Amino acid sequence: MTTNAKPMTPEDALDPSRALVPSVQQVNEVRVQKGFWPKIRRTAACIPFARQVISVYYTARDPETPMAAKGIMLGGLAYFILPIDAIPDVFAGIGFTDDAAVIAALIATLGTHIKRRHKDQADAALERLRDD
């Protein structure tokens, strides 16, 4: 059986209008599973929104979080970990402003799904990172 479907590009995986498409959500979940902690380890000390992004991570991984919210969160987290974005992270001072805006938008729209336990998990993760 052949298919005419074109391969998914990184832009497809980050397209908010496609965030809830199961194949896109699966790609984003795999991307986040592989890249989230390495990126956080490299950047936690540099970004003032580390607690928020880690809270979003734990919320997206929580089985109690609705699937629609997870899909949007995974798309935002995938954007955070990809090396190519609107403002490359290598630019000191401004490189993470687009990432911060994406995380802030996620929290503004889906913040009711971020529970105290997710924030506590984020605090514990940051503490472990500081100890390493």
N, C-alpha and C. Protein backbone atom coordinates (compact mmCIF):
# COMPACT_ATOMS: atom_id res chain seq x y z
N MET A 1 0.84 -1.17 0.00
CA MET A 1 0.00 0.00 0.00
C MET A 1 0.88 1.24 0.00
N THR A 2 0.63 2.18 -0.87
CA THR A 2 1.41 3.41 -0.93
C THR A 2 0.58 4.56 -0.40
N THR A 3 1.28 5.59 -0.01
CA THR A 3 0.61 6.78 0.50
C THR A 3 1.18 8.01 -0.19
N ASN A 4 0.35 8.98 -0.38
CA ASN A 4 0.78 10.24 -0.99
C ASN A 4 1.06 11.30 0.06
N ALA A 5 1.02 10.91 1.31
CA ALA A 5 1.25 11.89 2.37
C ALA A 5 2.70 12.34 2.35
N LYS A 6 2.87 13.66 2.45
CA LYS A 6 4.23 14.19 2.48
C LYS A 6 4.79 14.05 3.89
N PRO A 7 6.12 13.92 4.02
CA PRO A 7 6.72 13.80 5.35
C PRO A 7 6.45 15.05 6.18
N MET A 8 6.33 14.85 7.48
CA MET A 8 6.07 15.97 8.36
C MET A 8 7.36 16.76 8.58
N THR A 9 7.26 18.06 8.46
CA THR A 9 8.39 18.95 8.70
C THR A 9 8.32 19.46 10.13
N PRO A 10 9.41 20.05 10.65
CA PRO A 10 9.35 20.63 11.99
C PRO A 10 8.28 21.71 12.09
N GLU A 11 8.09 22.45 11.02
CA GLU A 11 7.06 23.50 11.02
C GLU A 11 5.67 22.89 11.20
N ASP A 12 5.43 21.73 10.57
CA ASP A 12 4.14 21.05 10.73
C ASP A 12 3.91 20.67 12.19
N ALA A 13 4.94 20.16 12.82
CA ALA A 13 4.81 19.71 14.21
C ALA A 13 4.55 20.87 15.16
N LEU A 14 4.92 22.07 14.77
CA LEU A 14 4.75 23.23 15.64
C LEU A 14 3.57 24.11 15.25
N ASP A 15 2.86 23.75 14.21
CA ASP A 15 1.72 24.52 13.73
C ASP A 15 0.57 24.38 14.73
N PRO A 16 0.17 25.48 15.42
CA PRO A 16 -0.89 25.38 16.41
C PRO A 16 -2.19 24.82 15.86
N SER A 17 -2.47 25.06 14.59
CA SER A 17 -3.71 24.54 14.02
C SER A 17 -3.67 23.02 13.84
N ARG A 18 -2.48 22.43 13.93
CA ARG A 18 -2.34 20.98 13.78
C ARG A 18 -1.92 20.29 15.08
N ALA A 19 -1.84 21.03 16.17
CA ALA A 19 -1.32 20.49 17.43
C ALA A 19 -2.10 19.30 17.95
N LEU A 20 -3.37 19.19 17.57
CA LEU A 20 -4.18 18.10 18.09
C LEU A 20 -4.32 16.94 17.11
N VAL A 21 -3.67 17.03 15.96
CA VAL A 21 -3.66 15.92 15.02
C VAL A 21 -2.81 14.81 15.67
N PRO A 22 -3.36 13.60 15.78
CA PRO A 22 -2.63 12.54 16.50
C PRO A 22 -1.19 12.33 16.04
N SER A 23 -0.94 12.34 14.74
CA SER A 23 0.44 12.11 14.28
C SER A 23 1.35 13.27 14.68
N VAL A 24 0.85 14.48 14.66
CA VAL A 24 1.63 15.64 15.08
C VAL A 24 1.88 15.58 16.57
N GLN A 25 0.86 15.23 17.32
CA GLN A 25 1.01 15.13 18.76
C GLN A 25 2.04 14.05 19.12
N GLN A 26 2.04 12.95 18.39
CA GLN A 26 3.00 11.87 18.64
C GLN A 26 4.42 12.35 18.36
N VAL A 27 4.62 13.04 17.25
CA VAL A 27 5.95 13.58 16.92
C VAL A 27 6.41 14.53 18.01
N ASN A 28 5.52 15.42 18.45
CA ASN A 28 5.89 16.37 19.50
C ASN A 28 6.20 15.67 20.81
N GLU A 29 5.44 14.64 21.14
CA GLU A 29 5.70 13.92 22.38
C GLU A 29 7.07 13.26 22.35
N VAL A 30 7.41 12.62 21.25
CA VAL A 30 8.73 11.99 21.12
C VAL A 30 9.83 13.04 21.18
N ARG A 31 9.63 14.14 20.49
CA ARG A 31 10.61 15.22 20.49
C ARG A 31 10.83 15.75 21.90
N VAL A 32 9.76 15.93 22.64
CA VAL A 32 9.86 16.44 24.02
C VAL A 32 10.52 15.40 24.92
N GLN A 33 10.14 14.13 24.78
CA GLN A 33 10.76 13.08 25.60
C GLN A 33 12.26 13.03 25.41
N LYS A 34 12.71 13.19 24.18
CA LYS A 34 14.15 13.09 23.89
C LYS A 34 14.92 14.37 24.22
N GLY A 35 14.30 15.51 24.02
CA GLY A 35 15.06 16.75 24.10
C GLY A 35 14.82 17.66 25.28
N PHE A 36 13.76 17.41 26.05
CA PHE A 36 13.42 18.37 27.11
C PHE A 36 14.48 18.49 28.19
N TRP A 37 14.83 17.37 28.83
CA TRP A 37 15.78 17.46 29.95
C TRP A 37 17.17 17.89 29.52
N PRO A 38 17.70 17.43 28.38
CA PRO A 38 18.99 17.98 27.96
C PRO A 38 18.96 19.51 27.78
N LYS A 39 17.87 20.01 27.20
CA LYS A 39 17.76 21.47 27.00
C LYS A 39 17.65 22.19 28.35
N ILE A 40 16.85 21.66 29.25
CA ILE A 40 16.70 22.29 30.57
C ILE A 40 18.03 22.28 31.32
N ARG A 41 18.75 21.18 31.26
CA ARG A 41 20.05 21.12 31.95
C ARG A 41 21.00 22.20 31.43
N ARG A 42 20.96 22.44 30.12
CA ARG A 42 21.84 23.46 29.53
C ARG A 42 21.38 24.89 29.82
N THR A 43 20.09 25.08 30.02
CA THR A 43 19.57 26.45 30.03
C THR A 43 18.93 26.90 31.34
N ALA A 44 18.67 26.01 32.27
CA ALA A 44 17.92 26.37 33.48
C ALA A 44 18.51 27.57 34.21
N ALA A 45 19.83 27.64 34.27
CA ALA A 45 20.47 28.75 34.96
C ALA A 45 20.36 30.06 34.19
N CYS A 46 20.07 29.97 32.88
CA CYS A 46 20.05 31.15 32.01
C CYS A 46 18.67 31.74 31.80
N ILE A 47 17.63 30.97 32.07
CA ILE A 47 16.29 31.43 31.75
C ILE A 47 15.48 31.65 33.02
N PRO A 48 14.88 32.82 33.16
CA PRO A 48 14.10 33.10 34.37
C PRO A 48 12.76 32.37 34.41
N PHE A 49 12.38 31.74 33.31
CA PHE A 49 11.09 31.06 33.26
C PHE A 49 11.24 29.53 33.34
N ALA A 50 12.35 29.06 33.89
CA ALA A 50 12.61 27.61 33.98
C ALA A 50 11.51 26.90 34.78
N ARG A 51 11.10 27.48 35.90
CA ARG A 51 10.05 26.84 36.72
C ARG A 51 8.76 26.69 35.92
N GLN A 52 8.42 27.70 35.16
CA GLN A 52 7.18 27.66 34.39
C GLN A 52 7.25 26.60 33.29
N VAL A 53 8.37 26.55 32.57
CA VAL A 53 8.46 25.57 31.48
C VAL A 53 8.48 24.15 32.02
N ILE A 54 9.11 23.94 33.16
CA ILE A 54 9.11 22.61 33.76
C ILE A 54 7.72 22.26 34.27
N SER A 55 7.00 23.22 34.81
CA SER A 55 5.62 22.99 35.24
C SER A 55 4.74 22.58 34.06
N VAL A 56 4.93 23.24 32.92
CA VAL A 56 4.19 22.86 31.72
C VAL A 56 4.55 21.44 31.31
N TYR A 57 5.82 21.09 31.39
CA TYR A 57 6.27 19.74 31.07
C TYR A 57 5.54 18.70 31.93
N TYR A 58 5.53 18.92 33.24
CA TYR A 58 4.87 17.96 34.13
C TYR A 58 3.36 17.92 33.89
N THR A 59 2.78 19.03 33.56
CA THR A 59 1.34 19.06 33.26
C THR A 59 1.05 18.26 32.00
N ALA A 60 1.88 18.43 30.98
CA ALA A 60 1.68 17.70 29.73
C ALA A 60 1.88 16.20 29.91
N ARG A 61 2.66 15.79 30.87
CA ARG A 61 2.92 14.37 31.13
C ARG A 61 1.88 13.74 32.07
N ASP A 62 1.06 14.55 32.68
CA ASP A 62 0.08 14.07 33.66
C ASP A 62 -1.10 13.40 32.95
N PRO A 63 -1.42 12.16 33.30
CA PRO A 63 -2.55 11.47 32.66
C PRO A 63 -3.89 12.16 32.91
N GLU A 64 -3.98 12.99 33.94
CA GLU A 64 -5.23 13.69 34.24
C GLU A 64 -5.42 14.95 33.39
N THR A 65 -4.39 15.40 32.71
CA THR A 65 -4.51 16.58 31.86
C THR A 65 -5.28 16.21 30.60
N PRO A 66 -6.29 17.00 30.23
CA PRO A 66 -7.06 16.70 29.02
C PRO A 66 -6.18 16.64 27.77
N MET A 67 -6.54 15.75 26.86
CA MET A 67 -5.74 15.51 25.66
C MET A 67 -5.55 16.80 24.85
N ALA A 68 -6.55 17.62 24.74
CA ALA A 68 -6.41 18.87 23.96
C ALA A 68 -5.35 19.78 24.57
N ALA A 69 -5.37 19.91 25.90
CA ALA A 69 -4.37 20.74 26.57
C ALA A 69 -2.98 20.15 26.38
N LYS A 70 -2.87 18.82 26.49
CA LYS A 70 -1.57 18.17 26.29
C LYS A 70 -1.02 18.45 24.90
N GLY A 71 -1.88 18.36 23.89
CA GLY A 71 -1.44 18.59 22.52
C GLY A 71 -0.84 19.97 22.33
N ILE A 72 -1.51 20.97 22.86
CA ILE A 72 -1.01 22.35 22.74
C ILE A 72 0.29 22.51 23.54
N MET A 73 0.31 21.95 24.74
CA MET A 73 1.51 22.05 25.57
C MET A 73 2.70 21.36 24.93
N LEU A 74 2.48 20.18 24.37
CA LEU A 74 3.58 19.46 23.72
C LEU A 74 4.11 20.26 22.53
N GLY A 75 3.23 20.92 21.79
CA GLY A 75 3.68 21.78 20.69
C GLY A 75 4.55 22.92 21.19
N GLY A 76 4.14 23.56 22.29
CA GLY A 76 4.93 24.64 22.87
C GLY A 76 6.26 24.15 23.41
N LEU A 77 6.26 22.99 24.05
CA LEU A 77 7.51 22.42 24.56
C LEU A 77 8.43 22.01 23.41
N ALA A 78 7.85 21.48 22.34
CA ALA A 78 8.66 21.13 21.16
C ALA A 78 9.31 22.38 20.59
N TYR A 79 8.58 23.48 20.53
CA TYR A 79 9.15 24.74 20.07
C TYR A 79 10.31 25.15 20.96
N PHE A 80 10.14 25.00 22.27
CA PHE A 80 11.19 25.36 23.22
C PHE A 80 12.47 24.58 22.99
N ILE A 81 12.35 23.28 22.69
CA ILE A 81 13.56 22.47 22.59
C ILE A 81 14.21 22.48 21.21
N LEU A 82 13.46 22.85 20.17
CA LEU A 82 14.06 22.87 18.84
C LEU A 82 15.12 23.96 18.74
N PRO A 83 16.25 23.65 18.11
CA PRO A 83 17.31 24.65 18.00
C PRO A 83 16.98 25.77 17.02
N ILE A 84 16.04 25.53 16.13
CA ILE A 84 15.69 26.54 15.14
C ILE A 84 14.34 27.13 15.52
N ASP A 85 14.33 28.39 15.88
CA ASP A 85 13.08 29.06 16.17
C ASP A 85 13.16 30.51 15.74
N ALA A 86 12.17 31.30 16.07
CA ALA A 86 12.09 32.68 15.58
C ALA A 86 13.32 33.50 15.94
N ILE A 87 13.77 33.37 17.18
CA ILE A 87 14.99 34.05 17.62
C ILE A 87 15.92 32.96 18.15
N PRO A 88 17.00 32.64 17.44
CA PRO A 88 17.89 31.57 17.88
C PRO A 88 18.40 31.80 19.30
N ASP A 89 18.43 30.72 20.08
CA ASP A 89 18.80 30.80 21.49
C ASP A 89 20.24 31.25 21.72
N VAL A 90 21.07 31.18 20.71
CA VAL A 90 22.47 31.55 20.89
C VAL A 90 22.66 33.05 21.04
N PHE A 91 21.67 33.85 20.70
CA PHE A 91 21.78 35.30 20.86
C PHE A 91 21.59 35.67 22.32
N ALA A 92 22.68 36.05 22.97
CA ALA A 92 22.63 36.37 24.40
C ALA A 92 21.63 37.49 24.67
N GLY A 93 20.87 37.29 25.73
CA GLY A 93 19.93 38.32 26.15
C GLY A 93 18.56 38.25 25.50
N ILE A 94 18.51 37.99 24.19
CA ILE A 94 17.21 37.97 23.52
C ILE A 94 16.83 36.61 22.96
N GLY A 95 17.76 35.67 22.99
CA GLY A 95 17.55 34.37 22.34
C GLY A 95 16.39 33.57 22.88
N PHE A 96 16.02 33.78 24.14
CA PHE A 96 14.94 33.01 24.72
C PHE A 96 13.64 33.79 24.83
N THR A 97 13.60 35.01 24.30
CA THR A 97 12.38 35.81 24.44
C THR A 97 11.20 35.18 23.71
N ASP A 98 11.44 34.59 22.55
CA ASP A 98 10.34 33.94 21.84
C ASP A 98 9.87 32.69 22.59
N ASP A 99 10.81 31.95 23.18
CA ASP A 99 10.45 30.78 23.98
C ASP A 99 9.64 31.21 25.20
N ALA A 100 10.07 32.29 25.85
CA ALA A 100 9.34 32.80 27.02
C ALA A 100 7.93 33.22 26.62
N ALA A 101 7.79 33.83 25.45
CA ALA A 101 6.46 34.25 24.99
C ALA A 101 5.56 33.05 24.74
N VAL A 102 6.11 31.99 24.16
CA VAL A 102 5.31 30.78 23.91
C VAL A 102 4.87 30.17 25.24
N ILE A 103 5.77 30.06 26.20
CA ILE A 103 5.42 29.48 27.50
C ILE A 103 4.42 30.38 28.22
N ALA A 104 4.60 31.69 28.15
CA ALA A 104 3.64 32.61 28.78
C ALA A 104 2.25 32.47 28.16
N ALA A 105 2.19 32.32 26.84
CA ALA A 105 0.90 32.13 26.17
C ALA A 105 0.25 30.81 26.59
N LEU A 106 1.06 29.77 26.71
CA LEU A 106 0.54 28.48 27.17
C LEU A 106 -0.07 28.62 28.56
N ILE A 107 0.65 29.28 29.44
CA ILE A 107 0.18 29.43 30.82
C ILE A 107 -1.06 30.32 30.86
N ALA A 108 -1.09 31.35 30.04
CA ALA A 108 -2.25 32.25 30.02
C ALA A 108 -3.50 31.52 29.54
N THR A 109 -3.36 30.64 28.57
CA THR A 109 -4.54 29.96 28.01
C THR A 109 -4.86 28.63 28.69
N LEU A 110 -3.85 27.95 29.19
CA LEU A 110 -4.06 26.61 29.74
C LEU A 110 -3.63 26.49 31.20
N GLY A 111 -3.38 27.62 31.83
CA GLY A 111 -2.87 27.63 33.19
C GLY A 111 -3.73 26.94 34.22
N THR A 112 -5.03 26.84 33.96
CA THR A 112 -5.90 26.16 34.93
C THR A 112 -5.57 24.67 35.05
N HIS A 113 -4.89 24.13 34.06
CA HIS A 113 -4.50 22.72 34.10
C HIS A 113 -3.20 22.50 34.88
N ILE A 114 -2.47 23.58 35.13
CA ILE A 114 -1.22 23.47 35.88
C ILE A 114 -1.56 23.51 37.37
N LYS A 115 -1.41 22.38 38.00
CA LYS A 115 -1.80 22.21 39.41
C LYS A 115 -0.61 22.45 40.32
N ARG A 116 -0.90 22.59 41.60
CA ARG A 116 0.15 22.79 42.61
C ARG A 116 1.17 21.65 42.53
N ARG A 117 0.74 20.42 42.29
CA ARG A 117 1.69 19.28 42.24
C ARG A 117 2.67 19.43 41.08
N HIS A 118 2.23 20.02 39.97
CA HIS A 118 3.13 20.24 38.83
C HIS A 118 4.18 21.29 39.18
N LYS A 119 3.76 22.32 39.89
CA LYS A 119 4.70 23.37 40.32
C LYS A 119 5.68 22.80 41.35
N ASP A 120 5.17 21.96 42.24
CA ASP A 120 6.05 21.32 43.23
C ASP A 120 7.06 20.40 42.55
N GLN A 121 6.61 19.66 41.53
CA GLN A 121 7.53 18.81 40.77
C GLN A 121 8.59 19.66 40.08
N ALA A 122 8.19 20.80 39.55
CA ALA A 122 9.13 21.70 38.89
C ALA A 122 10.16 22.23 39.89
N ASP A 123 9.69 22.62 41.07
CA ASP A 123 10.62 23.10 42.10
C ASP A 123 11.62 22.02 42.49
N ALA A 124 11.14 20.79 42.65
CA ALA A 124 12.02 19.68 43.01
C ALA A 124 13.03 19.40 41.89
N ALA A 125 12.58 19.47 40.65
CA ALA A 125 13.49 19.26 39.51
C ALA A 125 14.56 20.34 39.46
N LEU A 126 14.17 21.58 39.68
CA LEU A 126 15.16 22.67 39.68
C LEU A 126 16.17 22.49 40.82
N GLU A 127 15.70 22.05 41.95
CA GLU A 127 16.60 21.80 43.08
C GLU A 127 17.61 20.69 42.71
N ARG A 128 17.13 19.63 42.08
CA ARG A 128 18.04 18.55 41.65
C ARG A 128 19.06 19.07 40.64
N LEU A 129 18.60 19.91 39.73
CA LEU A 129 19.53 20.47 38.73
C LEU A 129 20.59 21.34 39.38
N ARG A 130 20.21 22.09 40.39
CA ARG A 130 21.18 22.93 41.10
C ARG A 130 22.21 22.08 41.85
N ASP A 131 21.75 20.93 42.36
CA ASP A 131 22.63 20.04 43.12
C ASP A 131 23.61 19.28 42.22
N ASP A 132 23.28 19.14 40.95
CA ASP A 132 24.14 18.37 40.02
C ASP A 132 25.38 19.13 39.63
